[in-house]
């Protein structure tokens, strides 16, 4: 008669072990899901950053080629693929002198500021470069 209680106690222990194993597995699955979500968010941010960088580089090439005027500060609300982004172009005449103490003219410091919002979080990216405007 002593064997009967041992089997019942052992069944209870096996049930507790199974429940503990399921709980550990569930926690591991939740942690893995959280990691996947963070990876997806990081990838989206990386794509957004590359998109913004391409826009700034394209505008820099347009300015260097003389296709975009740089007479004054300009603020543009972009459309198309770049909808929701605002590009601010700020030209500043460089005041510098050469080694003979003569003024260097015709060099413009251009700052391109790109601003956008994703999920109510503001983002920005800046590109600064020098250009000598072309005369047509």
C-alpha atoms as a PDB file:
ATOM      1  CA  UNK A   1       0.000   0.000   0.000  1.00  0.00           C
ATOM      2  CA  UNK A   2       2.926   2.332   0.356  1.00  0.00           C
ATOM      3  CA  UNK A   3       3.573   2.307  -3.391  1.00  0.00           C
ATOM      4  CA  UNK A   4       0.318   4.069  -4.280  1.00  0.00           C
ATOM      5  CA  UNK A   5       1.231   7.452  -2.655  1.00  0.00           C
ATOM      6  CA  UNK A   6       4.686   7.437  -4.339  1.00  0.00           C
ATOM      7  CA  UNK A   7       3.129   7.144  -7.797  1.00  0.00           C
ATOM      8  CA  UNK A   8       0.698   9.994  -7.059  1.00  0.00           C
ATOM      9  CA  UNK A   9       3.506  12.234  -5.742  1.00  0.00           C
ATOM     10  CA  UNK A  10       5.652  11.413  -8.759  1.00  0.00           C
ATOM     11  CA  UNK A  11       2.759  12.308 -11.118  1.00  0.00           C
ATOM     12  CA  UNK A  12       2.449  15.684  -9.409  1.00  0.00           C
ATOM     13  CA  UNK A  13       6.167  16.339  -9.778  1.00  0.00           C
ATOM     14  CA  UNK A  14       6.070  15.421 -13.469  1.00  0.00           C
ATOM     15  CA  UNK A  15       3.150  17.839 -13.945  1.00  0.00           C
ATOM     16  CA  UNK A  16       5.089  20.630 -12.188  1.00  0.00           C
ATOM     17  CA  UNK A  17       8.142  19.934 -14.352  1.00  0.00           C
ATOM     18  CA  UNK A  18       6.022  20.072 -17.506  1.00  0.00           C
ATOM     19  CA  UNK A  19       4.394  23.355 -16.415  1.00  0.00           C
ATOM     20  CA  UNK A  20       7.825  24.833 -15.607  1.00  0.00           C
ATOM     21  CA  UNK A  21       9.174  23.760 -19.018  1.00  0.00           C
ATOM     22  CA  UNK A  22       6.184  25.340 -20.799  1.00  0.00           C
ATOM     23  CA  UNK A  23       6.651  28.578 -18.812  1.00  0.00           C
ATOM     24  CA  UNK A  24      10.364  28.738 -19.700  1.00  0.00           C
ATOM     25  CA  UNK A  25       9.543  28.088 -23.360  1.00  0.00           C
ATOM     26  CA  UNK A  26       6.875  30.829 -23.351  1.00  0.00           C
ATOM     27  CA  UNK A  27       9.301  33.355 -21.859  1.00  0.00           C
ATOM     28  CA  UNK A  28      11.905  32.428 -24.476  1.00  0.00           C
ATOM     29  CA  UNK A  29       9.372  32.872 -27.306  1.00  0.00           C
ATOM     30  CA  UNK A  30       8.327  36.295 -25.944  1.00  0.00           C
ATOM     31  CA  UNK A  31      11.979  37.391 -25.702  1.00  0.00           C
ATOM     32  CA  UNK A  32      12.609  36.210 -29.260  1.00  0.00           C
ATOM     33  CA  UNK A  33       9.544  38.134 -30.472  1.00  0.00           C
ATOM     34  CA  UNK A  34      10.817  41.300 -28.770  1.00  0.00           C
ATOM     35  CA  UNK A  35      14.230  40.867 -30.435  1.00  0.00           C
ATOM     36  CA  UNK A  36      12.593  40.440 -33.833  1.00  0.00           C
ATOM     37  CA  UNK A  37      10.512  43.580 -33.331  1.00  0.00           C
ATOM     38  CA  UNK A  38      13.615  45.611 -32.449  1.00  0.00           C
ATOM     39  CA  UNK A  39      15.455  44.251 -35.487  1.00  0.00           C
ATOM     40  CA  UNK A  40      12.580  45.259 -37.756  1.00  0.00           C
ATOM     41  CA  UNK A  41      12.509  48.764 -36.240  1.00  0.00           C
ATOM     42  CA  UNK A  42      16.286  49.110 -36.648  1.00  0.00           C
ATOM     43  CA  UNK A  43      16.046  48.048 -40.291  1.00  0.00           C
ATOM     44  CA  UNK A  44      13.253  50.578 -40.927  1.00  0.00           C
ATOM     45  CA  UNK A  45      15.339  53.346 -39.348  1.00  0.00           C
ATOM     46  CA  UNK A  46      18.331  52.330 -41.462  1.00  0.00           C
ATOM     47  CA  UNK A  47      16.244  52.487 -44.651  1.00  0.00           C
ATOM     48  CA  UNK A  48      14.827  55.871 -43.668  1.00  0.00           C
ATOM     49  CA  UNK A  49      18.313  57.212 -42.992  1.00  0.00           C
ATOM     50  CA  UNK A  50      19.584  55.939 -46.358  1.00  0.00           C
ATOM     51  CA  UNK A  51      16.562  57.522 -48.076  1.00  0.00           C
ATOM     52  CA  UNK A  52      17.359  60.889 -46.457  1.00  0.00           C
ATOM     53  CA  UNK A  53      21.057  60.606 -47.308  1.00  0.00           C
ATOM     54  CA  UNK A  54      20.220  59.896 -50.986  1.00  0.00           C
ATOM     55  CA  UNK A  55      18.032  62.996 -51.107  1.00  0.00           C
ATOM     56  CA  UNK A  56      20.781  65.198 -49.650  1.00  0.00           C
ATOM     57  CA  UNK A  57      23.403  63.771 -52.008  1.00  0.00           C
ATOM     58  CA  UNK A  58      21.104  64.254 -55.028  1.00  0.00           C
ATOM     59  CA  UNK A  59      20.448  67.874 -54.086  1.00  0.00           C
ATOM     60  CA  UNK A  60      24.177  68.485 -53.580  1.00  0.00           C
ATOM     61  CA  UNK A  61      24.890  67.191 -57.098  1.00  0.00           C
ATOM     62  CA  UNK A  62      22.084  69.370 -58.526  1.00  0.00           C
ATOM     63  CA  UNK A  63      23.575  72.447 -56.829  1.00  0.00           C
ATOM     64  CA  UNK A  64      27.114  71.607 -57.953  1.00  0.00           C
ATOM     65  CA  UNK A  65      25.852  71.167 -61.529  1.00  0.00           C
ATOM     66  CA  UNK A  66      24.126  74.556 -61.394  1.00  0.00           C
ATOM     67  CA  UNK A  67      20.622  73.117 -61.764  1.00  0.00           C
ATOM     68  CA  UNK A  68      19.406  74.471 -58.418  1.00  0.00           C
ATOM     69  CA  UNK A  69      19.678  78.201 -57.656  1.00  0.00           C
ATOM     70  CA  UNK A  70      21.542  79.136 -54.478  1.00  0.00           C
ATOM     71  CA  UNK A  71      20.745  82.838 -54.247  1.00  0.00           C
ATOM     72  CA  UNK A  72      18.920  82.763 -50.926  1.00  0.00           C
ATOM     73  CA  UNK A  73      17.774  80.505 -48.116  1.00  0.00           C
ATOM     74  CA  UNK A  74      15.004  78.271 -49.372  1.00  0.00           C
ATOM     75  CA  UNK A  75      12.577  76.006 -47.479  1.00  0.00           C
ATOM     76  CA  UNK A  76      10.810  73.290 -49.499  1.00  0.00           C
ATOM     77  CA  UNK A  77       8.076  70.864 -48.519  1.00  0.00           C
ATOM     78  CA  UNK A  78       8.985  67.857 -50.652  1.00  0.00           C
ATOM     79  CA  UNK A  79       6.557  65.705 -52.617  1.00  0.00           C
ATOM     80  CA  UNK A  80       6.540  62.283 -54.243  1.00  0.00           C
ATOM     81  CA  UNK A  81       8.906  59.725 -52.726  1.00  0.00           C
ATOM     82  CA  UNK A  82      10.055  62.320 -50.200  1.00  0.00           C
ATOM     83  CA  UNK A  83       6.605  63.485 -49.043  1.00  0.00           C
ATOM     84  CA  UNK A  84       6.584  64.585 -45.421  1.00  0.00           C
ATOM     85  CA  UNK A  85      10.168  65.826 -45.568  1.00  0.00           C
ATOM     86  CA  UNK A  86      11.264  69.450 -45.467  1.00  0.00           C
ATOM     87  CA  UNK A  87      14.522  70.555 -47.095  1.00  0.00           C
ATOM     88  CA  UNK A  88      16.153  73.821 -46.041  1.00  0.00           C
ATOM     89  CA  UNK A  89      18.943  75.141 -48.273  1.00  0.00           C
ATOM     90  CA  UNK A  90      21.131  77.820 -46.699  1.00  0.00           C
ATOM     91  CA  UNK A  91      23.868  79.477 -48.782  1.00  0.00           C
ATOM     92  CA  UNK A  92      26.525  81.666 -47.108  1.00  0.00           C
ATOM     93  CA  UNK A  93      29.232  83.548 -48.995  1.00  0.00           C
ATOM     94  CA  UNK A  94      32.638  82.505 -47.666  1.00  0.00           C
ATOM     95  CA  UNK A  95      34.805  85.401 -46.564  1.00  0.00           C
ATOM     96  CA  UNK A  96      38.397  84.230 -46.806  1.00  0.00           C
ATOM     97  CA  UNK A  97      41.782  85.507 -47.860  1.00  0.00           C
ATOM     98  CA  UNK A  98      44.596  83.765 -49.676  1.00  0.00           C
ATOM     99  CA  UNK A  99      48.262  83.744 -48.638  1.00  0.00           C
ATOM    100  CA  UNK A 100      48.772  87.154 -50.345  1.00  0.00           C
ATOM    101  CA  UNK A 101      45.987  88.626 -48.183  1.00  0.00           C
ATOM    102  CA  UNK A 102      43.661  88.982 -51.201  1.00  0.00           C
ATOM    103  CA  UNK A 103      39.959  88.217 -50.849  1.00  0.00           C
ATOM    104  CA  UNK A 104      38.830  84.888 -52.229  1.00  0.00           C
ATOM    105  CA  UNK A 105      35.511  85.432 -53.971  1.00  0.00           C
ATOM    106  CA  UNK A 106      32.945  83.102 -55.420  1.00  0.00           C
ATOM    107  CA  UNK A 107      32.975  80.341 -52.813  1.00  0.00           C
ATOM    108  CA  UNK A 108      29.641  79.542 -51.187  1.00  0.00           C
ATOM    109  CA  UNK A 109      29.146  77.399 -48.088  1.00  0.00           C
ATOM    110  CA  UNK A 110      25.921  75.420 -48.602  1.00  0.00           C
ATOM    111  CA  UNK A 111      24.082  73.757 -45.735  1.00  0.00           C
ATOM    112  CA  UNK A 112      21.272  71.335 -46.551  1.00  0.00           C
ATOM    113  CA  UNK A 113      19.026  70.509 -43.590  1.00  0.00           C
ATOM    114  CA  UNK A 114      16.452  67.748 -44.017  1.00  0.00           C
ATOM    115  CA  UNK A 115      13.702  67.387 -41.417  1.00  0.00           C
ATOM    116  CA  UNK A 116      10.972  64.757 -41.154  1.00  0.00           C
ATOM    117  CA  UNK A 117       8.789  63.018 -38.588  1.00  0.00           C
ATOM    118  CA  UNK A 118       8.272  59.296 -38.129  1.00  0.00           C
ATOM    119  CA  UNK A 119       5.780  57.985 -35.560  1.00  0.00           C
ATOM    120  CA  UNK A 120       5.632  61.442 -33.925  1.00  0.00           C
ATOM    121  CA  UNK A 121       9.427  61.465 -33.497  1.00  0.00           C
ATOM    122  CA  UNK A 122      11.252  64.319 -35.272  1.00  0.00           C
ATOM    123  CA  UNK A 123      14.384  63.436 -37.253  1.00  0.00           C
ATOM    124  CA  UNK A 124      16.916  65.541 -39.135  1.00  0.00           C
ATOM    125  CA  UNK A 125      20.020  65.127 -41.233  1.00  0.00           C
ATOM    126  CA  UNK A 126      22.474  67.807 -42.385  1.00  0.00           C
ATOM    127  CA  UNK A 127      24.956  68.027 -45.239  1.00  0.00           C
ATOM    128  CA  UNK A 128      27.387  70.932 -45.592  1.00  0.00           C
ATOM    129  CA  UNK A 129      29.675  71.541 -48.564  1.00  0.00           C
ATOM    130  CA  UNK A 130      31.388  74.302 -50.544  1.00  0.00           C
ATOM    131  CA  UNK A 131      30.629  75.210 -54.133  1.00  0.00           C
ATOM    132  CA  UNK A 132      31.708  77.766 -56.671  1.00  0.00           C
ATOM    133  CA  UNK A 133      28.565  78.720 -58.605  1.00  0.00           C
ATOM    134  CA  UNK A 134      28.642  78.128 -62.335  1.00  0.00           C
ATOM    135  CA  UNK A 135      27.828  80.930 -64.683  1.00  0.00           C
ATOM    136  CA  UNK A 136      25.690  80.007 -67.679  1.00  0.00           C
END
